[in-house]
Protein backbone atom coordinates (compact mmCIF):
# COMPACT_ATOMS: atom_id res chain seq x y z
CA MET A 1 37.02 15.06 -11.35
CA VAL A 2 34.34 17.73 -10.94
CA LYS A 3 32.96 17.06 -14.46
CA ALA A 4 32.74 13.33 -13.76
CA LEU A 5 30.92 13.98 -10.50
CA GLY A 6 28.54 16.36 -12.24
CA ARG A 7 27.80 13.81 -14.98
CA ALA A 8 27.19 11.06 -12.45
CA MET A 9 24.84 13.30 -10.47
CA GLY A 10 23.02 14.30 -13.67
CA ARG A 11 22.51 10.65 -14.64
CA TRP A 12 21.19 9.84 -11.16
CA LEU A 13 18.76 12.80 -11.20
CA GLU A 14 17.49 11.90 -14.68
CA ALA A 15 16.71 8.32 -13.72
CA GLU A 16 13.08 7.38 -13.11
CA SER A 17 11.96 7.60 -9.50
CA PRO A 18 11.52 4.13 -7.98
CA GLY A 19 7.88 3.30 -7.31
CA PHE A 20 6.56 6.20 -9.41
CA GLU A 21 2.78 6.13 -9.81
CA PRO A 22 1.15 8.92 -11.84
CA LEU A 23 -1.27 11.11 -9.92
CA VAL A 24 -3.63 11.25 -12.91
CA PRO A 25 -3.59 8.57 -15.60
CA VAL A 26 -3.29 10.04 -19.12
CA ALA A 27 -5.31 9.06 -22.17
CA PHE A 28 -3.00 10.65 -24.74
CA ASP A 29 -5.43 10.36 -27.65
CA GLN A 30 -8.18 12.11 -25.68
CA LEU A 31 -5.70 14.77 -24.51
CA ALA A 32 -4.50 15.44 -28.06
CA ARG A 33 -8.11 15.92 -29.24
CA SER A 34 -8.98 18.36 -26.46
CA LEU A 35 -5.87 20.61 -26.47
CA ARG A 36 -6.29 24.14 -27.82
CA ILE A 37 -3.78 26.90 -28.60
CA GLY A 38 -2.76 28.67 -25.40
CA ASP A 39 -3.59 25.77 -23.07
CA VAL A 40 -1.26 25.29 -20.12
CA LEU A 41 -0.26 21.72 -19.33
CA LEU A 42 0.86 20.83 -15.80
CA VAL A 43 3.18 17.84 -15.86
CA GLU A 44 4.17 15.43 -13.11
CA GLY A 45 7.59 14.13 -14.17
CA ARG A 46 8.89 10.63 -13.56
CA ALA A 47 12.57 11.52 -12.94
CA ARG A 48 14.18 11.99 -9.56
CA ILE A 49 14.77 15.65 -10.38
CA SER A 50 10.98 16.04 -10.83
CA THR A 51 10.49 14.67 -7.31
CA ALA A 52 12.99 17.25 -6.00
CA ILE A 53 11.22 20.07 -7.87
CA LYS A 54 7.81 19.03 -6.45
CA TYR A 55 9.27 18.86 -2.94
CA LEU A 56 11.05 22.23 -3.13
CA THR A 57 8.05 24.03 -4.66
CA GLN A 58 5.46 22.22 -2.52
CA SER A 59 3.52 21.45 -5.70
CA THR A 60 1.86 18.41 -7.23
CA TRP A 61 3.38 19.32 -10.61
CA SER A 62 7.05 19.55 -11.52
CA HIS A 63 6.79 21.14 -14.97
CA ALA A 64 4.49 23.30 -17.06
CA ALA A 65 4.17 23.68 -20.82
CA LEU A 66 2.28 25.92 -23.21
């Protein structure tokens, strides 16, 4: 029962947030050309969990990558 509830919650949190509009539109080809080793990317995720992370951290960004 607990595993089923956890899986259902995980699927719900991984679903895309309704009405998601990116803060900054991305031109992936331009981004790929400008990235350098050691750059830090700040990412605004589309999933519901990303919305929760942004709310809890009071941040515009939900993830970061090197």
